[in-house]
Amino acid sequence: MLVEKTPVQFMDKTSLIHKLHPITKLSWLLLISTFLIVNRNSLAEIIILGFIIGLFFLGGYKVYKIKGVWVVFSTSLFISFLQMIFISEGKPIFSLNYLEITTIGLERAIYIGSRFSAIILSGFLFIMTTNPNILVYSFMQAGISYRLGFAFISALRLMSIFTKESEKIVYSSTLKGAPFTIFPINVFFKNLTNYFKLMIVSIFEKVDAMVISMEGRGFGNSSKRTFLQNQPIKKNDYVIIIIGVLALGSYSLITILN
């Protein structure tokens, strides 16, 4: 029985995480990523990974149903395995012929694997709980140029369009008897060349339609911009940001003192 996968894209829900201000969620994403990179404690990495998985359930998502999550975990396990077999420092805990696993190798494997999964999943969580339009509006209301804001939102929208166009080209080529197989090499490069040609044509068509639409709406005629709805940062958003900063600062201070 096939399990329906949840795509890694924004879905409008009423969870507490969805209701948070986009800048609040972005701040926590940066804080968590900074902590994961700076931290050297494997137990702390596992706790953060569990915390992020818990946030998925709080946001109304089942982690095991998210598209691509098993690829993330598989890659994490592969990286951890490489750490175990190539790090020889520490006390041996398992040995078989030329394969030897040490305490430091195992600790390093847990540390690196947990960090990789946590960073990727935190990015997934931010994408799936943050409306890109509201995110851009928040940036522009915070003082960022609305031209840069709309360049960002246009890039996000075109990414999904180009993904669908790519799938259409691959399916069409397969139905015509020219699948994208590696061998023979000359046929592969010929199909790849045709693929890029079709994608370039599709890109120009979509960008041209978008430019005409934006010009018709008077985009860029004024240095100021009005907004349909404001995105003020509420008190609870400030509290959550402060909690994150204090938690990261306290842990860093305790680590330095120890």
C-alpha atoms as a PDB file:
ATOM      1  CA  MET A   1       0.000   0.000   0.000  1.00  0.00           C
ATOM      2  CA  LEU A   2       1.418   3.354  -1.088  1.00  0.00           C
ATOM      3  CA  VAL A   3       1.694   6.030   1.579  1.00  0.00           C
ATOM      4  CA  GLU A   4       0.764   9.520   0.451  1.00  0.00           C
ATOM      5  CA  LYS A   5       3.780  11.772   0.892  1.00  0.00           C
ATOM      6  CA  THR A   6       3.589  15.327   2.219  1.00  0.00           C
ATOM      7  CA  PRO A   7       5.494  17.709  -0.090  1.00  0.00           C
ATOM      8  CA  VAL A   8       8.047  20.095   1.379  1.00  0.00           C
ATOM      9  CA  GLN A   9       6.045  23.256   0.767  1.00  0.00           C
ATOM     10  CA  PHE A  10       3.887  25.637   2.759  1.00  0.00           C
ATOM     11  CA  MET A  11       0.482  24.344   3.839  1.00  0.00           C
ATOM     12  CA  ASP A  12      -1.930  26.682   5.562  1.00  0.00           C
ATOM     13  CA  LYS A  13      -2.789  25.285   8.992  1.00  0.00           C
ATOM     14  CA  THR A  14      -3.895  26.681  12.339  1.00  0.00           C
ATOM     15  CA  SER A  15      -1.079  25.328  14.505  1.00  0.00           C
ATOM     16  CA  LEU A  16       0.863  27.484  16.940  1.00  0.00           C
ATOM     17  CA  ILE A  17       3.981  27.345  14.746  1.00  0.00           C
ATOM     18  CA  HIS A  18       2.048  28.530  11.690  1.00  0.00           C
ATOM     19  CA  LYS A  19       0.728  31.513  13.652  1.00  0.00           C
ATOM     20  CA  LEU A  20       4.188  32.740  14.666  1.00  0.00           C
ATOM     21  CA  HIS A  21       5.658  35.725  12.847  1.00  0.00           C
ATOM     22  CA  PRO A  22       7.951  34.705   9.938  1.00  0.00           C
ATOM     23  CA  ILE A  23      10.872  36.706  11.365  1.00  0.00           C
ATOM     24  CA  THR A  24      10.445  34.848  14.676  1.00  0.00           C
ATOM     25  CA  LYS A  25      10.685  31.502  12.901  1.00  0.00           C
ATOM     26  CA  LEU A  26      13.641  32.704  10.833  1.00  0.00           C
ATOM     27  CA  SER A  27      15.404  33.854  14.013  1.00  0.00           C
ATOM     28  CA  TRP A  28      14.915  30.452  15.611  1.00  0.00           C
ATOM     29  CA  LEU A  29      16.124  28.738  12.430  1.00  0.00           C
ATOM     30  CA  LEU A  30      19.336  30.789  12.537  1.00  0.00           C
ATOM     31  CA  LEU A  31      19.772  30.197  16.284  1.00  0.00           C
ATOM     32  CA  ILE A  32      19.300  26.438  15.972  1.00  0.00           C
ATOM     33  CA  SER A  33      21.614  26.229  12.949  1.00  0.00           C
ATOM     34  CA  THR A  34      24.283  28.271  14.777  1.00  0.00           C
ATOM     35  CA  PHE A  35      23.968  26.065  17.858  1.00  0.00           C
ATOM     36  CA  LEU A  36      24.243  22.855  15.808  1.00  0.00           C
ATOM     37  CA  ILE A  37      27.365  24.093  14.028  1.00  0.00           C
ATOM     38  CA  VAL A  38      29.129  25.464  17.128  1.00  0.00           C
ATOM     39  CA  ASN A  39      28.117  22.697  19.551  1.00  0.00           C
ATOM     40  CA  ARG A  40      30.477  19.743  20.152  1.00  0.00           C
ATOM     41  CA  ASN A  41      28.231  17.625  22.377  1.00  0.00           C
ATOM     42  CA  SER A  42      26.575  14.628  20.690  1.00  0.00           C
ATOM     43  CA  LEU A  43      23.836  14.394  23.344  1.00  0.00           C
ATOM     44  CA  ALA A  44      22.841  18.024  22.742  1.00  0.00           C
ATOM     45  CA  GLU A  45      22.642  17.323  18.981  1.00  0.00           C
ATOM     46  CA  ILE A  46      20.290  14.390  19.605  1.00  0.00           C
ATOM     47  CA  ILE A  47      18.113  16.512  21.927  1.00  0.00           C
ATOM     48  CA  ILE A  48      17.839  19.264  19.293  1.00  0.00           C
ATOM     49  CA  LEU A  49      16.965  16.677  16.622  1.00  0.00           C
ATOM     50  CA  GLY A  50      14.217  15.277  18.852  1.00  0.00           C
ATOM     51  CA  PHE A  51      13.000  18.812  19.579  1.00  0.00           C
ATOM     52  CA  ILE A  52      12.706  19.557  15.838  1.00  0.00           C
ATOM     53  CA  ILE A  53      10.837  16.289  15.189  1.00  0.00           C
ATOM     54  CA  GLY A  54       8.478  17.217  18.032  1.00  0.00           C
ATOM     55  CA  LEU A  55       7.849  20.607  16.390  1.00  0.00           C
ATOM     56  CA  PHE A  56       6.762  18.808  13.210  1.00  0.00           C
ATOM     57  CA  PHE A  57       4.051  16.954  15.142  1.00  0.00           C
ATOM     58  CA  LEU A  58       3.109  20.216  16.880  1.00  0.00           C
ATOM     59  CA  GLY A  59       2.711  21.812  13.447  1.00  0.00           C
ATOM     60  CA  GLY A  60       0.396  19.018  12.284  1.00  0.00           C
ATOM     61  CA  TYR A  61       2.901  17.022  10.205  1.00  0.00           C
ATOM     62  CA  LYS A  62       3.979  13.391  10.461  1.00  0.00           C
ATOM     63  CA  VAL A  63       7.721  13.292   9.878  1.00  0.00           C
ATOM     64  CA  TYR A  64       7.773   9.824   8.301  1.00  0.00           C
ATOM     65  CA  LYS A  65       5.279  10.980   5.629  1.00  0.00           C
ATOM     66  CA  ILE A  66       7.282  14.016   4.496  1.00  0.00           C
ATOM     67  CA  LYS A  67       8.673  13.671   0.996  1.00  0.00           C
ATOM     68  CA  GLY A  68      12.435  13.247   1.025  1.00  0.00           C
ATOM     69  CA  VAL A  69      12.794  12.709   4.772  1.00  0.00           C
ATOM     70  CA  TRP A  70      13.978   9.112   4.341  1.00  0.00           C
ATOM     71  CA  VAL A  71      16.641  10.322   1.931  1.00  0.00           C
ATOM     72  CA  VAL A  72      17.828  12.695   4.660  1.00  0.00           C
ATOM     73  CA  PHE A  73      17.958   9.933   7.278  1.00  0.00           C
ATOM     74  CA  SER A  74      19.651   7.507   4.860  1.00  0.00           C
ATOM     75  CA  THR A  75      22.310  10.078   4.014  1.00  0.00           C
ATOM     76  CA  SER A  76      22.759  10.792   7.715  1.00  0.00           C
ATOM     77  CA  LEU A  77      23.295   7.082   8.455  1.00  0.00           C
ATOM     78  CA  PHE A  78      25.774   6.810   5.590  1.00  0.00           C
ATOM     79  CA  ILE A  79      27.776   9.787   6.883  1.00  0.00           C
ATOM     80  CA  SER A  80      27.700   8.304  10.392  1.00  0.00           C
ATOM     81  CA  PHE A  81      28.927   4.944   9.077  1.00  0.00           C
ATOM     82  CA  LEU A  82      31.871   6.635   7.353  1.00  0.00           C
ATOM     83  CA  GLN A  83      32.765   8.376  10.606  1.00  0.00           C
ATOM     84  CA  MET A  84      32.727   5.080  12.512  1.00  0.00           C
ATOM     85  CA  ILE A  85      34.950   3.133  10.133  1.00  0.00           C
ATOM     86  CA  PHE A  86      37.508   5.851   9.363  1.00  0.00           C
ATOM     87  CA  ILE A  87      38.106   7.323  12.842  1.00  0.00           C
ATOM     88  CA  SER A  88      40.558   5.118  14.719  1.00  0.00           C
ATOM     89  CA  GLU A  89      41.147   7.289  17.824  1.00  0.00           C
ATOM     90  CA  GLY A  90      39.706   6.190  21.135  1.00  0.00           C
ATOM     91  CA  LYS A  91      39.052   2.890  22.891  1.00  0.00           C
ATOM     92  CA  PRO A  92      37.976   0.017  20.579  1.00  0.00           C
ATOM     93  CA  ILE A  93      34.466  -1.278  21.284  1.00  0.00           C
ATOM     94  CA  PHE A  94      34.069  -3.545  18.230  1.00  0.00           C
ATOM     95  CA  SER A  95      36.627  -5.174  15.942  1.00  0.00           C
ATOM     96  CA  LEU A  96      36.217  -7.490  12.948  1.00  0.00           C
ATOM     97  CA  ASN A  97      39.224  -8.091  10.676  1.00  0.00           C
ATOM     98  CA  TYR A  98      40.113  -4.648   9.292  1.00  0.00           C
ATOM     99  CA  LEU A  99      36.936  -3.008  10.651  1.00  0.00           C
ATOM    100  CA  GLU A 100      37.285  -1.368  14.054  1.00  0.00           C
ATOM    101  CA  ILE A 101      34.815   0.907  15.804  1.00  0.00           C
ATOM    102  CA  THR A 102      36.084   3.105  18.629  1.00  0.00           C
ATOM    103  CA  THR A 103      34.376   5.190  21.293  1.00  0.00           C
ATOM    104  CA  ILE A 104      35.415   8.465  19.646  1.00  0.00           C
ATOM    105  CA  GLY A 105      34.364   7.156  16.228  1.00  0.00           C
ATOM    106  CA  LEU A 106      30.917   6.197  17.524  1.00  0.00           C
ATOM    107  CA  GLU A 107      30.490   9.499  19.343  1.00  0.00           C
ATOM    108  CA  ARG A 108      31.578  11.395  16.231  1.00  0.00           C
ATOM    109  CA  ALA A 109      29.151   9.383  14.091  1.00  0.00           C
ATOM    110  CA  ILE A 110      26.207  10.222  16.369  1.00  0.00           C
ATOM    111  CA  TYR A 111      27.273  13.861  16.518  1.00  0.00           C
ATOM    112  CA  ILE A 112      27.696  14.367  12.750  1.00  0.00           C
ATOM    113  CA  GLY A 113      24.613  12.339  11.766  1.00  0.00           C
ATOM    114  CA  SER A 114      22.343  14.109  14.243  1.00  0.00           C
ATOM    115  CA  ARG A 115      23.655  17.526  13.192  1.00  0.00           C
ATOM    116  CA  PHE A 116      23.076  16.806   9.482  1.00  0.00           C
ATOM    117  CA  SER A 117      19.505  15.570  10.024  1.00  0.00           C
ATOM    118  CA  ALA A 118      18.650  18.415  12.414  1.00  0.00           C
ATOM    119  CA  ILE A 119      19.868  21.170  10.064  1.00  0.00           C
ATOM    120  CA  ILE A 120      18.006  19.759   7.045  1.00  0.00           C
ATOM    121  CA  LEU A 121      14.795  19.073   8.984  1.00  0.00           C
ATOM    122  CA  SER A 122      14.812  22.538  10.573  1.00  0.00           C
ATOM    123  CA  GLY A 123      14.898  23.987   7.045  1.00  0.00           C
ATOM    124  CA  PHE A 124      12.008  21.702   6.041  1.00  0.00           C
ATOM    125  CA  LEU A 125      10.012  22.875   9.064  1.00  0.00           C
ATOM    126  CA  PHE A 126      10.584  26.543   8.244  1.00  0.00           C
ATOM    127  CA  ILE A 127       9.479  26.069   4.626  1.00  0.00           C
ATOM    128  CA  MET A 128       6.378  24.042   5.528  1.00  0.00           C
ATOM    129  CA  THR A 129       5.122  26.425   8.231  1.00  0.00           C
ATOM    130  CA  THR A 130       5.950  29.824   6.685  1.00  0.00           C
ATOM    131  CA  ASN A 131       3.851  31.498   4.016  1.00  0.00           C
ATOM    132  CA  PRO A 132       6.406  32.854   1.487  1.00  0.00           C
ATOM    133  CA  ASN A 133       4.211  35.861   0.661  1.00  0.00           C
ATOM    134  CA  ILE A 134       3.894  36.857   4.312  1.00  0.00           C
ATOM    135  CA  LEU A 135       7.630  36.254   4.780  1.00  0.00           C
ATOM    136  CA  VAL A 136       8.462  38.708   2.008  1.00  0.00           C
ATOM    137  CA  TYR A 137       5.922  41.252   3.288  1.00  0.00           C
ATOM    138  CA  SER A 138       7.534  40.987   6.717  1.00  0.00           C
ATOM    139  CA  PHE A 139      10.966  41.661   5.232  1.00  0.00           C
ATOM    140  CA  MET A 140       9.701  44.671   3.305  1.00  0.00           C
ATOM    141  CA  GLN A 141       7.867  46.099   6.323  1.00  0.00           C
ATOM    142  CA  ALA A 142      11.101  45.654   8.289  1.00  0.00           C
ATOM    143  CA  GLY A 143      12.860  47.963   5.821  1.00  0.00           C
ATOM    144  CA  ILE A 144      14.162  45.703   3.027  1.00  0.00           C
ATOM    145  CA  SER A 145      13.598  47.040  -0.498  1.00  0.00           C
ATOM    146  CA  TYR A 146      10.381  45.686  -1.978  1.00  0.00           C
ATOM    147  CA  ARG A 147      12.205  45.091  -5.265  1.00  0.00           C
ATOM    148  CA  LEU A 148      14.488  42.618  -3.487  1.00  0.00           C
ATOM    149  CA  GLY A 149      11.484  41.140  -1.736  1.00  0.00           C
ATOM    150  CA  PHE A 150       9.625  40.479  -4.939  1.00  0.00           C
ATOM    151  CA  ALA A 151      12.771  39.113  -6.570  1.00  0.00           C
ATOM    152  CA  PHE A 152      12.886  36.585  -3.737  1.00  0.00           C
ATOM    153  CA  ILE A 153       9.208  35.605  -3.956  1.00  0.00           C
ATOM    154  CA  SER A 154       9.428  35.377  -7.757  1.00  0.00           C
ATOM    155  CA  ALA A 155      12.363  32.984  -7.444  1.00  0.00           C
ATOM    156  CA  LEU A 156      10.376  30.814  -5.010  1.00  0.00           C
ATOM    157  CA  ARG A 157       7.372  30.686  -7.320  1.00  0.00           C
ATOM    158  CA  LEU A 158       9.423  29.942 -10.430  1.00  0.00           C
ATOM    159  CA  MET A 159      11.229  27.077  -8.678  1.00  0.00           C
ATOM    160  CA  SER A 160       8.013  25.045  -8.389  1.00  0.00           C
ATOM    161  CA  ILE A 161       7.028  25.918 -11.950  1.00  0.00           C
ATOM    162  CA  PHE A 162      10.385  24.803 -13.343  1.00  0.00           C
ATOM    163  CA  THR A 163      10.184  21.569 -11.354  1.00  0.00           C
ATOM    164  CA  LYS A 164       6.869  20.741 -13.023  1.00  0.00           C
ATOM    165  CA  GLU A 165       8.252  21.742 -16.432  1.00  0.00           C
ATOM    166  CA  SER A 166      11.236  19.465 -15.868  1.00  0.00           C
ATOM    167  CA  GLU A 167       8.955  16.542 -15.024  1.00  0.00           C
ATOM    168  CA  LYS A 168       6.900  17.177 -18.180  1.00  0.00           C
ATOM    169  CA  ILE A 169      10.033  17.167 -20.352  1.00  0.00           C
ATOM    170  CA  VAL A 170      11.333  13.930 -18.803  1.00  0.00           C
ATOM    171  CA  TYR A 171       7.946  12.172 -19.127  1.00  0.00           C
ATOM    172  CA  SER A 172       7.517  13.379 -22.694  1.00  0.00           C
ATOM    173  CA  SER A 173      10.998  12.201 -23.659  1.00  0.00           C
ATOM    174  CA  THR A 174      10.370   8.795 -22.076  1.00  0.00           C
ATOM    175  CA  LEU A 175       7.060   8.348 -23.918  1.00  0.00           C
ATOM    176  CA  LYS A 176       8.793   9.179 -27.212  1.00  0.00           C
ATOM    177  CA  GLY A 177      11.307   6.393 -26.639  1.00  0.00           C
ATOM    178  CA  ALA A 178      14.221   8.543 -25.473  1.00  0.00           C
ATOM    179  CA  PRO A 179      14.538   7.893 -21.720  1.00  0.00           C
ATOM    180  CA  PHE A 180      17.291   9.545 -19.675  1.00  0.00           C
ATOM    181  CA  THR A 181      19.603   6.552 -19.252  1.00  0.00           C
ATOM    182  CA  ILE A 182      23.352   6.892 -18.709  1.00  0.00           C
ATOM    183  CA  PHE A 183      24.295   4.321 -21.359  1.00  0.00           C
ATOM    184  CA  PRO A 184      25.034   4.714 -24.196  1.00  0.00           C
ATOM    185  CA  ILE A 185      26.905   7.896 -23.269  1.00  0.00           C
ATOM    186  CA  ASN A 186      26.402   9.670 -26.609  1.00  0.00           C
ATOM    187  CA  VAL A 187      22.612   9.190 -26.447  1.00  0.00           C
ATOM    188  CA  PHE A 188      22.582  10.405 -22.848  1.00  0.00           C
ATOM    189  CA  PHE A 189      24.384  13.657 -23.712  1.00  0.00           C
ATOM    190  CA  LYS A 190      22.123  14.160 -26.726  1.00  0.00           C
ATOM    191  CA  ASN A 191      19.006  13.817 -24.568  1.00  0.00           C
ATOM    192  CA  LEU A 192      20.561  16.047 -21.912  1.00  0.00           C
ATOM    193  CA  THR A 193      21.298  18.742 -24.518  1.00  0.00           C
ATOM    194  CA  ASN A 194      17.702  18.639 -25.756  1.00  0.00           C
ATOM    195  CA  TYR A 195      16.493  18.819 -22.150  1.00  0.00           C
ATOM    196  CA  PHE A 196      18.441  22.021 -21.457  1.00  0.00           C
ATOM    197  CA  LYS A 197      17.241  23.576 -24.711  1.00  0.00           C
ATOM    198  CA  LEU A 198      13.598  22.940 -23.785  1.00  0.00           C
ATOM    199  CA  MET A 199      14.151  24.209 -20.243  1.00  0.00           C
ATOM    200  CA  ILE A 200      15.757  27.452 -21.511  1.00  0.00           C
ATOM    201  CA  VAL A 201      12.787  28.058 -23.834  1.00  0.00           C
ATOM    202  CA  SER A 202      10.369  27.357 -20.971  1.00  0.00           C
ATOM    203  CA  ILE A 203      12.285  29.696 -18.637  1.00  0.00           C
ATOM    204  CA  PHE A 204      12.139  32.569 -21.115  1.00  0.00           C
ATOM    205  CA  GLU A 205       8.398  32.030 -21.667  1.00  0.00           C
ATOM    206  CA  LYS A 206       7.566  31.995 -17.955  1.00  0.00           C
ATOM    207  CA  VAL A 207       9.805  34.965 -17.103  1.00  0.00           C
ATOM    208  CA  ASP A 208       8.428  36.981 -20.025  1.00  0.00           C
ATOM    209  CA  ALA A 209       4.841  36.320 -18.897  1.00  0.00           C
ATOM    210  CA  MET A 210       5.745  37.336 -15.336  1.00  0.00           C
ATOM    211  CA  VAL A 211       7.456  40.567 -16.484  1.00  0.00           C
ATOM    212  CA  ILE A 212       4.447  41.568 -18.605  1.00  0.00           C
ATOM    213  CA  SER A 213       2.133  40.864 -15.659  1.00  0.00           C
ATOM    214  CA  MET A 214       4.260  42.945 -13.249  1.00  0.00           C
ATOM    215  CA  GLU A 215       4.562  45.836 -15.708  1.00  0.00           C
ATOM    216  CA  GLY A 216       0.785  45.796 -16.148  1.00  0.00           C
ATOM    217  CA  ARG A 217       0.446  46.224 -12.377  1.00  0.00           C
ATOM    218  CA  GLY A 218       2.818  49.180 -12.323  1.00  0.00           C
ATOM    219  CA  PHE A 219       5.638  47.373 -10.535  1.00  0.00           C
ATOM    220  CA  GLY A 220       8.570  49.707  -9.828  1.00  0.00           C
ATOM    221  CA  ASN A 221       6.787  52.975 -10.658  1.00  0.00           C
ATOM    222  CA  SER A 222       6.961  54.153  -7.053  1.00  0.00           C
ATOM    223  CA  SER A 223       9.719  54.092  -4.470  1.00  0.00           C
ATOM    224  CA  LYS A 224       7.177  53.291  -1.736  1.00  0.00           C
ATOM    225  CA  ARG A 225       4.817  50.377  -1.386  1.00  0.00           C
ATOM    226  CA  THR A 226       1.483  49.873   0.324  1.00  0.00           C
ATOM    227  CA  PHE A 227       0.420  46.572   1.871  1.00  0.00           C
ATOM    228  CA  LEU A 228      -2.906  44.786   1.893  1.00  0.00           C
ATOM    229  CA  GLN A 229      -2.236  43.601   5.445  1.00  0.00           C
ATOM    230  CA  ASN A 230       0.363  44.469   8.055  1.00  0.00           C
ATOM    231  CA  GLN A 231       2.516  41.848   9.745  1.00  0.00           C
ATOM    232  CA  PRO A 232       3.383  43.314  13.154  1.00  0.00           C
ATOM    233  CA  ILE A 233       5.612  41.391  15.538  1.00  0.00           C
ATOM    234  CA  LYS A 234       3.570  40.577  18.661  1.00  0.00           C
ATOM    235  CA  LYS A 235       4.721  40.337  22.260  1.00  0.00           C
ATOM    236  CA  ASN A 236       4.793  36.530  22.226  1.00  0.00           C
ATOM    237  CA  ASP A 237       7.107  36.676  19.187  1.00  0.00           C
ATOM    238  CA  TYR A 238       9.551  38.872  21.102  1.00  0.00           C
ATOM    239  CA  VAL A 239       9.342  36.509  24.086  1.00  0.00           C
ATOM    240  CA  ILE A 240      10.102  33.456  21.921  1.00  0.00           C
ATOM    241  CA  ILE A 241      13.068  35.199  20.245  1.00  0.00           C
ATOM    242  CA  ILE A 242      14.452  36.273  23.647  1.00  0.00           C
ATOM    243  CA  ILE A 243      14.050  32.713  24.998  1.00  0.00           C
ATOM    244  CA  GLY A 244      16.033  31.368  22.048  1.00  0.00           C
ATOM    245  CA  VAL A 245      18.824  33.921  22.472  1.00  0.00           C
ATOM    246  CA  LEU A 246      19.023  33.331  26.243  1.00  0.00           C
ATOM    247  CA  ALA A 247      19.064  29.547  25.816  1.00  0.00           C
ATOM    248  CA  LEU A 248      21.871  29.688  23.249  1.00  0.00           C
ATOM    249  CA  GLY A 249      23.813  32.244  25.314  1.00  0.00           C
ATOM    250  CA  SER A 250      23.424  30.267  28.553  1.00  0.00           C
ATOM    251  CA  TYR A 251      24.545  27.017  26.977  1.00  0.00           C
ATOM    252  CA  SER A 252      27.544  28.730  25.351  1.00  0.00           C
ATOM    253  CA  LEU A 253      28.525  30.327  28.677  1.00  0.00           C
ATOM    254  CA  ILE A 254      28.243  27.017  30.558  1.00  0.00           C
ATOM    255  CA  THR A 255      30.325  25.272  27.890  1.00  0.00           C
ATOM    256  CA  ILE A 256      33.060  27.937  28.093  1.00  0.00           C
ATOM    257  CA  LEU A 257      33.162  27.795  31.899  1.00  0.00           C
ATOM    258  CA  ASN A 258      33.428  24.009  31.884  1.00  0.00           C
END
